[in-house]
Amino acid sequence: METKISLVSKQSIRTKAHLKKAFISLINEKGYSHVTVKDIVNRAMYNRTTFYLHYLDKNHLTEELQEEMFNAIKRTSMDRYRRGENIPITNMGPESFELFHFIYKTQDFFNLYLKKDTIPGLHQDLPKAIYEILEEHFIFTADNSDTINSSEHKLYMAYGTAGLITEWIRKRYITSPNEMSLQLINILKTFADGFTIVTK
C-alpha cells in the first residue's frame, strides 16, 4: 500500500511539474492574461481532467507556482550557511551566493520578471523574499553604522539586490553567477564587515 501511495505521489509531483513548465513557457510567449487552461494542457500534453485533478483553476496553479518559487528563493539563499556561522565579507568568494546559480538554472521562470503581462504581484516577490531572509537570518557588523540591522536598511538592501538581479535578467544573464556573486560582495564591502547567521 505504501509503495502504491508513493508511486501516485511521485506521479502527481511529475504531472504538476509538467503543467507548471508549460504554464511558464506560455506566459513567456503570450502573456499571463492570455493563457488558458486549454493552452496549458495542450502544451503539457495532458487533458483537462488531469489538470482539474490537481488544480481548481489557473489561479490555483498560479498561487502554487508563486509560493513554490518564493520559498525556493529563500531556501537556496540559505543553503550555504549554518546557524551561528560568522562570515567576514573578505572571506567570501564567487560561490558564496547560491541564489544566483538557482536563478541561472531556472531562467524560464525568472524571465517572467521582464514581462509586462506577467503573474500578478510577481515583481514584489523577489525583494520581499530577500528582505525576509535578511530580517530572519542576517545580523550585519560594521564599524561606522548603528543602523545597519534596522528594518529600513535591510529593506533598502533587499530592493537594491533585487534590482541588481533584475538588471542581470534583463541583460540575458551575460554575466556568470559567480561574477554576479563577486559584484554583490563588492557592494557589501562598502557598508559591512561581515555577518552572523541567526534564526529569529
N, C-alpha and C. Protein backbone atom coordinates (compact mmCIF):
# COMPACT_ATOMS: atom_id res chain seq x y z
N MET A 1 0.84 -1.21 0.00
CA MET A 1 0.00 0.00 0.00
C MET A 1 0.87 1.26 0.00
N GLU A 2 1.91 1.29 0.85
CA GLU A 2 2.78 2.46 0.92
C GLU A 2 3.48 2.70 -0.41
N THR A 3 3.89 1.60 -1.08
CA THR A 3 4.56 1.72 -2.37
C THR A 3 3.62 2.33 -3.40
N LYS A 4 2.37 1.89 -3.39
CA LYS A 4 1.37 2.41 -4.33
C LYS A 4 1.13 3.90 -4.10
N ILE A 5 1.00 4.29 -2.82
CA ILE A 5 0.81 5.71 -2.48
C ILE A 5 2.00 6.53 -2.92
N SER A 6 3.20 5.96 -2.70
CA SER A 6 4.43 6.65 -3.07
C SER A 6 4.50 6.88 -4.58
N LEU A 7 4.10 5.87 -5.36
CA LEU A 7 4.10 5.98 -6.81
C LEU A 7 3.12 7.03 -7.29
N VAL A 8 1.93 7.05 -6.66
CA VAL A 8 0.92 8.05 -7.01
C VAL A 8 1.44 9.45 -6.70
N SER A 9 2.08 9.57 -5.54
CA SER A 9 2.62 10.87 -5.13
C SER A 9 3.69 11.34 -6.11
N LYS A 10 4.59 10.46 -6.51
CA LYS A 10 5.65 10.82 -7.45
C LYS A 10 5.06 11.19 -8.80
N GLN A 11 4.04 10.46 -9.22
CA GLN A 11 3.40 10.76 -10.49
C GLN A 11 2.71 12.12 -10.43
N SER A 12 2.07 12.41 -9.29
CA SER A 12 1.40 13.70 -9.12
C SER A 12 2.40 14.85 -9.17
N ILE A 13 3.53 14.68 -8.48
CA ILE A 13 4.58 15.70 -8.48
C ILE A 13 5.10 15.93 -9.89
N ARG A 14 5.29 14.84 -10.63
CA ARG A 14 5.80 14.94 -12.00
C ARG A 14 4.78 15.64 -12.92
N THR A 15 3.52 15.27 -12.77
CA THR A 15 2.46 15.88 -13.58
C THR A 15 2.37 17.38 -13.31
N LYS A 16 2.39 17.75 -12.04
CA LYS A 16 2.30 19.17 -11.67
C LYS A 16 3.51 19.94 -12.19
N ALA A 17 4.67 19.32 -12.16
CA ALA A 17 5.87 19.97 -12.69
C ALA A 17 5.74 20.22 -14.19
N HIS A 18 5.17 19.26 -14.91
CA HIS A 18 4.96 19.42 -16.35
C HIS A 18 3.97 20.55 -16.63
N LEU A 19 2.91 20.61 -15.84
CA LEU A 19 1.91 21.66 -16.02
C LEU A 19 2.51 23.04 -15.74
N LYS A 20 3.33 23.13 -14.70
CA LYS A 20 3.97 24.41 -14.37
C LYS A 20 4.96 24.83 -15.46
N LYS A 21 5.72 23.88 -15.96
CA LYS A 21 6.67 24.19 -17.03
C LYS A 21 5.95 24.71 -18.26
N ALA A 22 4.84 24.06 -18.62
CA ALA A 22 4.05 24.50 -19.77
C ALA A 22 3.48 25.90 -19.52
N PHE A 23 3.00 26.12 -18.31
CA PHE A 23 2.41 27.41 -17.93
C PHE A 23 3.45 28.53 -18.06
N ILE A 24 4.64 28.30 -17.55
CA ILE A 24 5.70 29.31 -17.60
C ILE A 24 6.06 29.64 -19.04
N SER A 25 6.21 28.61 -19.87
CA SER A 25 6.59 28.85 -21.27
C SER A 25 5.50 29.64 -22.00
N LEU A 26 4.24 29.36 -21.69
CA LEU A 26 3.13 30.07 -22.33
C LEU A 26 3.07 31.53 -21.90
N ILE A 27 3.32 31.80 -20.62
CA ILE A 27 3.34 33.20 -20.15
C ILE A 27 4.44 33.96 -20.86
N ASN A 28 5.60 33.33 -21.01
CA ASN A 28 6.71 33.98 -21.71
C ASN A 28 6.35 34.29 -23.17
N GLU A 29 5.55 33.43 -23.77
CA GLU A 29 5.20 33.59 -25.18
C GLU A 29 4.06 34.59 -25.41
N LYS A 30 3.00 34.48 -24.61
CA LYS A 30 1.79 35.24 -24.94
C LYS A 30 1.26 36.13 -23.81
N GLY A 31 1.89 36.09 -22.64
CA GLY A 31 1.43 36.90 -21.53
C GLY A 31 0.43 36.16 -20.65
N TYR A 32 0.48 36.46 -19.37
CA TYR A 32 -0.32 35.74 -18.37
C TYR A 32 -1.82 35.78 -18.67
N SER A 33 -2.34 36.95 -18.97
CA SER A 33 -3.79 37.10 -19.13
C SER A 33 -4.34 36.34 -20.33
N HIS A 34 -3.48 35.96 -21.26
CA HIS A 34 -3.93 35.28 -22.47
C HIS A 34 -3.80 33.76 -22.39
N VAL A 35 -3.23 33.26 -21.30
CA VAL A 35 -3.05 31.81 -21.16
C VAL A 35 -4.31 31.19 -20.55
N THR A 36 -4.79 30.14 -21.17
CA THR A 36 -5.98 29.43 -20.67
C THR A 36 -5.59 28.03 -20.20
N VAL A 37 -6.51 27.40 -19.48
CA VAL A 37 -6.28 26.02 -19.05
C VAL A 37 -6.11 25.11 -20.26
N LYS A 38 -6.88 25.37 -21.30
CA LYS A 38 -6.76 24.59 -22.54
C LYS A 38 -5.35 24.70 -23.12
N ASP A 39 -4.81 25.92 -23.11
CA ASP A 39 -3.44 26.13 -23.60
C ASP A 39 -2.44 25.30 -22.79
N ILE A 40 -2.62 25.33 -21.48
CA ILE A 40 -1.68 24.64 -20.58
C ILE A 40 -1.69 23.14 -20.82
N VAL A 41 -2.88 22.55 -20.87
CA VAL A 41 -2.95 21.09 -21.03
C VAL A 41 -2.48 20.67 -22.42
N ASN A 42 -2.75 21.50 -23.42
CA ASN A 42 -2.27 21.17 -24.77
C ASN A 42 -0.75 21.21 -24.82
N ARG A 43 -0.15 22.21 -24.21
CA ARG A 43 1.31 22.33 -24.21
C ARG A 43 1.95 21.19 -23.41
N ALA A 44 1.34 20.85 -22.28
CA ALA A 44 1.89 19.78 -21.42
C ALA A 44 1.51 18.38 -21.90
N MET A 45 0.62 18.32 -22.91
CA MET A 45 0.14 17.06 -23.48
C MET A 45 -0.61 16.20 -22.45
N TYR A 46 -1.49 16.89 -21.71
CA TYR A 46 -2.43 16.22 -20.81
C TYR A 46 -3.84 16.60 -21.25
N ASN A 47 -4.83 16.11 -20.52
CA ASN A 47 -6.20 16.54 -20.80
C ASN A 47 -6.70 17.40 -19.63
N ARG A 48 -7.85 18.04 -19.84
CA ARG A 48 -8.38 18.94 -18.83
C ARG A 48 -8.72 18.20 -17.54
N THR A 49 -9.13 16.93 -17.65
CA THR A 49 -9.45 16.15 -16.46
C THR A 49 -8.23 16.02 -15.56
N THR A 50 -7.07 15.77 -16.16
CA THR A 50 -5.83 15.66 -15.40
C THR A 50 -5.52 16.97 -14.70
N PHE A 51 -5.70 18.08 -15.42
CA PHE A 51 -5.45 19.39 -14.82
C PHE A 51 -6.32 19.57 -13.58
N TYR A 52 -7.61 19.29 -13.71
CA TYR A 52 -8.53 19.55 -12.60
C TYR A 52 -8.43 18.54 -11.46
N LEU A 53 -7.67 17.47 -11.66
CA LEU A 53 -7.34 16.57 -10.56
C LEU A 53 -6.35 17.23 -9.60
N HIS A 54 -5.59 18.19 -10.13
CA HIS A 54 -4.53 18.82 -9.34
C HIS A 54 -4.81 20.27 -8.98
N TYR A 55 -5.57 20.96 -9.81
CA TYR A 55 -5.82 22.39 -9.58
C TYR A 55 -7.29 22.74 -9.82
N LEU A 56 -7.76 23.72 -9.06
CA LEU A 56 -9.14 24.18 -9.23
C LEU A 56 -9.28 24.99 -10.52
N ASP A 57 -8.26 25.78 -10.81
CA ASP A 57 -8.29 26.64 -11.98
C ASP A 57 -6.89 27.22 -12.20
N LYS A 58 -6.78 28.12 -13.14
CA LYS A 58 -5.50 28.75 -13.46
C LYS A 58 -4.96 29.54 -12.26
N ASN A 59 -5.83 30.20 -11.51
CA ASN A 59 -5.38 30.97 -10.35
C ASN A 59 -4.76 30.07 -9.29
N HIS A 60 -5.32 28.89 -9.11
CA HIS A 60 -4.80 27.92 -8.14
C HIS A 60 -3.38 27.49 -8.54
N LEU A 61 -3.20 27.20 -9.83
CA LEU A 61 -1.87 26.85 -10.34
C LEU A 61 -0.89 28.01 -10.14
N THR A 62 -1.36 29.21 -10.42
CA THR A 62 -0.52 30.41 -10.26
C THR A 62 -0.05 30.57 -8.82
N GLU A 63 -0.98 30.45 -7.89
CA GLU A 63 -0.65 30.62 -6.47
C GLU A 63 0.37 29.59 -6.01
N GLU A 64 0.19 28.33 -6.44
CA GLU A 64 1.13 27.29 -6.02
C GLU A 64 2.51 27.53 -6.62
N LEU A 65 2.57 27.90 -7.90
CA LEU A 65 3.85 28.17 -8.55
C LEU A 65 4.56 29.34 -7.87
N GLN A 66 3.82 30.40 -7.61
CA GLN A 66 4.39 31.60 -7.00
C GLN A 66 4.92 31.30 -5.60
N GLU A 67 4.16 30.56 -4.81
CA GLU A 67 4.59 30.21 -3.45
C GLU A 67 5.81 29.29 -3.49
N GLU A 68 5.79 28.33 -4.41
CA GLU A 68 6.90 27.39 -4.54
C GLU A 68 8.21 28.12 -4.86
N MET A 69 8.16 29.07 -5.79
CA MET A 69 9.36 29.79 -6.19
C MET A 69 9.79 30.79 -5.12
N PHE A 70 8.83 31.40 -4.44
CA PHE A 70 9.15 32.31 -3.34
C PHE A 70 9.94 31.56 -2.27
N ASN A 71 9.45 30.38 -1.90
CA ASN A 71 10.13 29.58 -0.87
C ASN A 71 11.48 29.07 -1.37
N ALA A 72 11.57 28.78 -2.66
CA ALA A 72 12.84 28.31 -3.23
C ALA A 72 13.90 29.41 -3.19
N ILE A 73 13.49 30.64 -3.44
CA ILE A 73 14.41 31.78 -3.35
C ILE A 73 14.99 31.86 -1.94
N LYS A 74 14.13 31.74 -0.94
CA LYS A 74 14.58 31.82 0.45
C LYS A 74 15.46 30.62 0.81
N ARG A 75 15.05 29.44 0.39
CA ARG A 75 15.79 28.23 0.75
C ARG A 75 17.18 28.22 0.11
N THR A 76 17.26 28.49 -1.19
CA THR A 76 18.55 28.44 -1.86
C THR A 76 19.48 29.55 -1.37
N SER A 77 18.91 30.65 -0.93
CA SER A 77 19.74 31.74 -0.40
C SER A 77 20.45 31.34 0.89
N MET A 78 19.89 30.36 1.59
CA MET A 78 20.45 29.96 2.89
C MET A 78 21.20 28.63 2.83
N ASP A 79 21.22 27.97 1.68
CA ASP A 79 21.79 26.63 1.57
C ASP A 79 23.25 26.54 2.02
N ARG A 80 24.01 27.58 1.79
CA ARG A 80 25.45 27.53 2.08
C ARG A 80 25.81 27.94 3.51
N TYR A 81 24.79 28.33 4.28
CA TYR A 81 25.09 28.89 5.59
C TYR A 81 24.55 28.02 6.72
N ARG A 82 25.23 28.08 7.86
CA ARG A 82 24.81 27.34 9.06
C ARG A 82 24.48 28.34 10.16
N ARG A 83 23.52 27.99 10.98
CA ARG A 83 23.15 28.84 12.11
C ARG A 83 24.35 29.05 13.03
N GLY A 84 24.57 30.30 13.41
CA GLY A 84 25.68 30.65 14.29
C GLY A 84 26.97 30.95 13.56
N GLU A 85 27.00 30.74 12.26
CA GLU A 85 28.22 30.96 11.48
C GLU A 85 28.52 32.46 11.36
N ASN A 86 29.78 32.81 11.60
CA ASN A 86 30.24 34.19 11.44
C ASN A 86 31.06 34.30 10.16
N ILE A 87 30.67 35.19 9.29
CA ILE A 87 31.30 35.27 7.97
C ILE A 87 31.83 36.68 7.69
N PRO A 88 33.14 36.85 7.67
CA PRO A 88 33.71 38.14 7.25
C PRO A 88 33.49 38.30 5.73
N ILE A 89 33.16 39.50 5.31
CA ILE A 89 32.93 39.74 3.88
C ILE A 89 34.20 39.42 3.08
N THR A 90 35.36 39.70 3.65
CA THR A 90 36.63 39.47 2.94
C THR A 90 36.88 37.98 2.67
N ASN A 91 36.20 37.11 3.42
CA ASN A 91 36.37 35.66 3.22
C ASN A 91 35.41 35.10 2.17
N MET A 92 34.52 35.91 1.67
CA MET A 92 33.52 35.43 0.72
C MET A 92 34.12 35.33 -0.68
N GLY A 93 33.60 34.38 -1.45
CA GLY A 93 34.13 34.16 -2.80
C GLY A 93 33.03 34.04 -3.84
N PRO A 94 33.38 33.68 -5.06
CA PRO A 94 32.45 33.67 -6.18
C PRO A 94 31.29 32.68 -6.06
N GLU A 95 31.39 31.72 -5.14
CA GLU A 95 30.30 30.76 -4.97
C GLU A 95 29.54 30.99 -3.66
N SER A 96 29.63 32.19 -3.14
CA SER A 96 29.02 32.49 -1.84
C SER A 96 27.50 32.65 -1.91
N PHE A 97 26.97 32.96 -3.09
CA PHE A 97 25.54 33.21 -3.20
C PHE A 97 24.89 32.20 -4.14
N GLU A 98 24.31 31.16 -3.54
CA GLU A 98 23.67 30.10 -4.31
C GLU A 98 22.47 30.62 -5.10
N LEU A 99 21.87 31.72 -4.64
CA LEU A 99 20.69 32.27 -5.31
C LEU A 99 20.97 32.58 -6.78
N PHE A 100 22.15 33.11 -7.09
CA PHE A 100 22.48 33.42 -8.48
C PHE A 100 22.49 32.16 -9.34
N HIS A 101 23.00 31.08 -8.79
CA HIS A 101 23.04 29.81 -9.53
C HIS A 101 21.62 29.27 -9.72
N PHE A 102 20.79 29.41 -8.71
CA PHE A 102 19.40 28.95 -8.80
C PHE A 102 18.65 29.72 -9.89
N ILE A 103 18.81 31.03 -9.90
CA ILE A 103 18.15 31.85 -10.91
C ILE A 103 18.64 31.48 -12.31
N TYR A 104 19.94 31.26 -12.44
CA TYR A 104 20.52 30.91 -13.73
C TYR A 104 19.95 29.58 -14.24
N LYS A 105 19.72 28.64 -13.33
CA LYS A 105 19.20 27.33 -13.71
C LYS A 105 17.70 27.37 -14.03
N THR A 106 17.01 28.36 -13.52
CA THR A 106 15.56 28.44 -13.72
C THR A 106 15.19 29.72 -14.47
N GLN A 107 15.94 29.99 -15.53
CA GLN A 107 15.77 31.24 -16.28
C GLN A 107 14.36 31.41 -16.84
N ASP A 108 13.74 30.34 -17.28
CA ASP A 108 12.40 30.46 -17.86
C ASP A 108 11.45 31.14 -16.89
N PHE A 109 11.52 30.75 -15.62
CA PHE A 109 10.65 31.38 -14.63
C PHE A 109 11.06 32.83 -14.40
N PHE A 110 12.33 33.08 -14.18
CA PHE A 110 12.76 34.44 -13.84
C PHE A 110 12.67 35.40 -15.02
N ASN A 111 12.59 34.89 -16.24
CA ASN A 111 12.33 35.76 -17.38
C ASN A 111 10.94 36.38 -17.30
N LEU A 112 10.07 35.78 -16.50
CA LEU A 112 8.73 36.33 -16.32
C LEU A 112 8.78 37.71 -15.67
N TYR A 113 9.89 38.02 -14.98
CA TYR A 113 10.05 39.34 -14.36
C TYR A 113 10.19 40.45 -15.42
N LEU A 114 10.47 40.06 -16.65
CA LEU A 114 10.62 41.05 -17.72
C LEU A 114 9.30 41.30 -18.46
N LYS A 115 8.31 40.45 -18.21
CA LYS A 115 7.04 40.57 -18.92
C LYS A 115 6.14 41.62 -18.27
N LYS A 116 5.51 42.43 -19.10
CA LYS A 116 4.52 43.37 -18.57
C LYS A 116 3.27 42.61 -18.12
N ASP A 117 2.84 41.68 -18.97
CA ASP A 117 1.67 40.86 -18.65
C ASP A 117 2.17 39.56 -18.01
N THR A 118 2.47 39.65 -16.73
CA THR A 118 3.05 38.51 -16.03
C THR A 118 2.18 38.13 -14.84
N ILE A 119 2.63 37.18 -14.05
CA ILE A 119 1.89 36.75 -12.85
C ILE A 119 1.64 37.95 -11.95
N PRO A 120 0.41 38.20 -11.56
CA PRO A 120 0.11 39.36 -10.70
C PRO A 120 0.92 39.35 -9.41
N GLY A 121 1.56 40.48 -9.13
CA GLY A 121 2.34 40.61 -7.90
C GLY A 121 3.72 40.00 -7.94
N LEU A 122 4.09 39.41 -9.07
CA LEU A 122 5.38 38.72 -9.16
C LEU A 122 6.56 39.65 -8.88
N HIS A 123 6.49 40.88 -9.38
CA HIS A 123 7.62 41.79 -9.25
C HIS A 123 7.96 42.12 -7.80
N GLN A 124 7.02 41.92 -6.90
CA GLN A 124 7.28 42.19 -5.49
C GLN A 124 7.85 40.98 -4.76
N ASP A 125 7.78 39.81 -5.37
CA ASP A 125 8.19 38.58 -4.67
C ASP A 125 9.69 38.54 -4.38
N LEU A 126 10.50 38.92 -5.36
CA LEU A 126 11.95 38.82 -5.18
C LEU A 126 12.46 39.73 -4.06
N PRO A 127 12.14 41.04 -4.08
CA PRO A 127 12.61 41.88 -2.96
C PRO A 127 11.99 41.46 -1.62
N LYS A 128 10.74 40.99 -1.65
CA LYS A 128 10.11 40.56 -0.40
C LYS A 128 10.81 39.34 0.18
N ALA A 129 11.14 38.37 -0.67
CA ALA A 129 11.83 37.16 -0.20
C ALA A 129 13.21 37.52 0.35
N ILE A 130 13.94 38.38 -0.36
CA ILE A 130 15.28 38.78 0.10
C ILE A 130 15.18 39.53 1.43
N TYR A 131 14.20 40.40 1.54
CA TYR A 131 14.01 41.14 2.80
C TYR A 131 13.74 40.18 3.95
N GLU A 132 12.87 39.20 3.74
CA GLU A 132 12.56 38.24 4.80
C GLU A 132 13.80 37.45 5.20
N ILE A 133 14.63 37.09 4.23
CA ILE A 133 15.89 36.38 4.53
C ILE A 133 16.78 37.24 5.42
N LEU A 134 16.94 38.51 5.04
CA LEU A 134 17.80 39.41 5.80
C LEU A 134 17.27 39.63 7.22
N GLU A 135 15.96 39.80 7.34
CA GLU A 135 15.34 40.04 8.64
C GLU A 135 15.41 38.81 9.54
N GLU A 136 15.24 37.64 8.95
CA GLU A 136 15.14 36.40 9.74
C GLU A 136 16.49 35.77 10.06
N HIS A 137 17.51 36.03 9.24
CA HIS A 137 18.73 35.23 9.37
C HIS A 137 20.05 36.00 9.42
N PHE A 138 20.06 37.30 9.11
CA PHE A 138 21.33 38.00 8.99
C PHE A 138 21.47 39.13 10.01
N ILE A 139 22.56 39.09 10.75
CA ILE A 139 22.96 40.20 11.62
C ILE A 139 24.29 40.71 11.09
N PHE A 140 24.29 41.93 10.57
CA PHE A 140 25.50 42.50 9.97
C PHE A 140 26.33 43.23 11.01
N THR A 141 27.63 43.31 10.74
CA THR A 141 28.53 44.08 11.59
C THR A 141 29.22 45.14 10.72
N ALA A 142 29.40 46.31 11.31
CA ALA A 142 30.08 47.41 10.61
C ALA A 142 30.65 48.36 11.63
N ASP A 143 31.81 48.94 11.34
CA ASP A 143 32.47 49.84 12.27
C ASP A 143 31.73 51.16 12.46
N ASN A 144 31.16 51.67 11.38
CA ASN A 144 30.62 53.03 11.42
C ASN A 144 29.11 53.10 11.23
N SER A 145 28.40 52.08 11.64
CA SER A 145 26.95 52.12 11.45
C SER A 145 26.22 51.47 12.62
N ASP A 146 25.31 52.24 13.21
CA ASP A 146 24.46 51.70 14.28
C ASP A 146 23.11 51.26 13.73
N THR A 147 22.86 51.55 12.45
CA THR A 147 21.53 51.27 11.87
C THR A 147 21.57 50.19 10.80
N ILE A 148 22.72 49.51 10.66
CA ILE A 148 22.87 48.56 9.57
C ILE A 148 21.88 47.39 9.66
N ASN A 149 21.41 47.09 10.89
CA ASN A 149 20.46 45.98 11.05
C ASN A 149 19.02 46.46 11.23
N SER A 150 18.78 47.74 10.96
CA SER A 150 17.41 48.24 11.04
C SER A 150 16.58 47.68 9.89
N SER A 151 15.29 47.62 10.09
CA SER A 151 14.39 47.13 9.03
C SER A 151 14.50 47.99 7.78
N GLU A 152 14.69 49.30 7.98
CA GLU A 152 14.78 50.20 6.84
C GLU A 152 16.03 49.91 6.01
N HIS A 153 17.14 49.67 6.68
CA HIS A 153 18.38 49.39 5.97
C HIS A 153 18.28 48.06 5.22
N LYS A 154 17.69 47.06 5.86
CA LYS A 154 17.55 45.76 5.21
C LYS A 154 16.55 45.82 4.05
N LEU A 155 15.55 46.66 4.17
CA LEU A 155 14.61 46.86 3.07
C LEU A 155 15.33 47.48 1.88
N TYR A 156 16.18 48.46 2.16
CA TYR A 156 16.99 49.10 1.13
C TYR A 156 17.91 48.08 0.46
N MET A 157 18.54 47.23 1.27
CA MET A 157 19.41 46.20 0.74
C MET A 157 18.64 45.21 -0.12
N ALA A 158 17.43 44.85 0.31
CA ALA A 158 16.63 43.87 -0.42
C ALA A 158 16.24 44.39 -1.80
N TYR A 159 15.77 45.64 -1.83
CA TYR A 159 15.36 46.21 -3.12
C TYR A 159 16.57 46.48 -4.01
N GLY A 160 17.70 46.84 -3.42
CA GLY A 160 18.91 47.04 -4.20
C GLY A 160 19.40 45.74 -4.82
N THR A 161 19.38 44.68 -4.03
CA THR A 161 19.80 43.36 -4.53
C THR A 161 18.84 42.87 -5.61
N ALA A 162 17.55 43.03 -5.37
CA ALA A 162 16.55 42.63 -6.37
C ALA A 162 16.73 43.41 -7.66
N GLY A 163 17.07 44.69 -7.54
CA GLY A 163 17.32 45.50 -8.73
C GLY A 163 18.52 45.01 -9.51
N LEU A 164 19.58 44.64 -8.79
CA LEU A 164 20.78 44.09 -9.42
C LEU A 164 20.45 42.81 -10.17
N ILE A 165 19.65 41.94 -9.55
CA ILE A 165 19.26 40.68 -10.17
C ILE A 165 18.37 40.92 -11.38
N THR A 166 17.42 41.84 -11.27
CA THR A 166 16.52 42.13 -12.38
C THR A 166 17.28 42.66 -13.59
N GLU A 167 18.29 43.49 -13.34
CA GLU A 167 19.11 44.01 -14.43
C GLU A 167 19.91 42.89 -15.08
N TRP A 168 20.38 41.94 -14.28
CA TRP A 168 21.09 40.76 -14.78
C TRP A 168 20.16 39.96 -15.70
N ILE A 169 18.93 39.77 -15.28
CA ILE A 169 17.94 39.06 -16.10
C ILE A 169 17.70 39.82 -17.40
N ARG A 170 17.55 41.14 -17.28
CA ARG A 170 17.30 41.98 -18.46
C ARG A 170 18.42 41.87 -19.48
N LYS A 171 19.64 41.70 -19.00
CA LYS A 171 20.80 41.58 -19.90
C LYS A 171 21.05 40.14 -20.33
N ARG A 172 20.04 39.29 -20.08
CA ARG A 172 20.05 37.89 -20.53
C ARG A 172 21.21 37.09 -19.96
N TYR A 173 21.55 37.35 -18.69
CA TYR A 173 22.49 36.52 -17.94
C TYR A 173 23.88 36.47 -18.58
N ILE A 174 24.29 37.58 -19.21
CA ILE A 174 25.59 37.56 -19.89
C ILE A 174 26.75 37.47 -18.90
N THR A 175 26.48 37.86 -17.66
CA THR A 175 27.47 37.72 -16.59
C THR A 175 27.22 36.40 -15.87
N SER A 176 28.26 35.67 -15.55
CA SER A 176 28.08 34.36 -14.90
C SER A 176 27.58 34.53 -13.46
N PRO A 177 26.95 33.49 -12.90
CA PRO A 177 26.53 33.55 -11.49
C PRO A 177 27.67 33.87 -10.54
N ASN A 178 28.84 33.32 -10.79
CA ASN A 178 29.99 33.59 -9.92
C ASN A 178 30.41 35.05 -10.00
N GLU A 179 30.38 35.62 -11.20
CA GLU A 179 30.73 37.03 -11.36
C GLU A 179 29.69 37.93 -10.68
N MET A 180 28.43 37.53 -10.73
CA MET A 180 27.38 38.28 -10.05
C MET A 180 27.61 38.24 -8.54
N SER A 181 28.03 37.10 -8.04
CA SER A 181 28.33 36.98 -6.61
C SER A 181 29.44 37.95 -6.21
N LEU A 182 30.47 38.04 -7.04
CA LEU A 182 31.58 38.94 -6.74
C LEU A 182 31.12 40.40 -6.76
N GLN A 183 30.22 40.73 -7.68
CA GLN A 183 29.69 42.10 -7.72
C GLN A 183 28.95 42.42 -6.42
N LEU A 184 28.14 41.48 -5.95
CA LEU A 184 27.38 41.71 -4.72
C LEU A 184 28.31 41.79 -3.51
N ILE A 185 29.35 40.98 -3.50
CA ILE A 185 30.34 41.03 -2.41
C ILE A 185 31.00 42.41 -2.37
N ASN A 186 31.35 42.93 -3.52
CA ASN A 186 31.99 44.25 -3.58
C ASN A 186 31.05 45.34 -3.06
N ILE A 187 29.77 45.18 -3.32
CA ILE A 187 28.78 46.14 -2.80
C ILE A 187 28.68 46.00 -1.28
N LEU A 188 28.64 44.77 -0.78
CA LEU A 188 28.57 44.53 0.67
C LEU A 188 29.76 45.14 1.40
N LYS A 189 30.91 45.08 0.77
CA LYS A 189 32.13 45.61 1.39
C LYS A 189 32.04 47.11 1.66
N THR A 190 31.19 47.80 0.94
CA THR A 190 31.10 49.26 1.10
C THR A 190 30.38 49.66 2.38
N PHE A 191 29.65 48.72 3.00
CA PHE A 191 28.92 49.12 4.21
C PHE A 191 28.96 48.09 5.33
N ALA A 192 29.54 46.91 5.11
CA ALA A 192 29.55 45.89 6.17
C ALA A 192 30.90 45.19 6.24
N ASP A 193 31.24 44.74 7.45
CA ASP A 193 32.47 43.97 7.65
C ASP A 193 32.20 42.47 7.55
N GLY A 194 30.99 42.09 7.96
CA GLY A 194 30.65 40.68 7.96
C GLY A 194 29.25 40.50 8.47
N PHE A 195 28.86 39.23 8.69
CA PHE A 195 27.52 38.95 9.21
C PHE A 195 27.51 37.62 9.95
N THR A 196 26.51 37.46 10.80
CA THR A 196 26.28 36.23 11.55
C THR A 196 24.93 35.66 11.15
N ILE A 197 24.86 34.36 10.98
CA ILE A 197 23.60 33.69 10.63
C ILE A 197 22.84 33.35 11.90
N VAL A 198 21.61 33.82 11.99
CA VAL A 198 20.77 33.57 13.16
C VAL A 198 19.42 33.03 12.70
N THR A 199 18.61 32.63 13.66
CA THR A 199 17.23 32.24 13.37
C THR A 199 16.32 32.98 14.33
N LYS A 200 15.43 33.79 13.78
CA LYS A 200 14.52 34.57 14.62
C LYS A 200 13.17 33.88 14.73
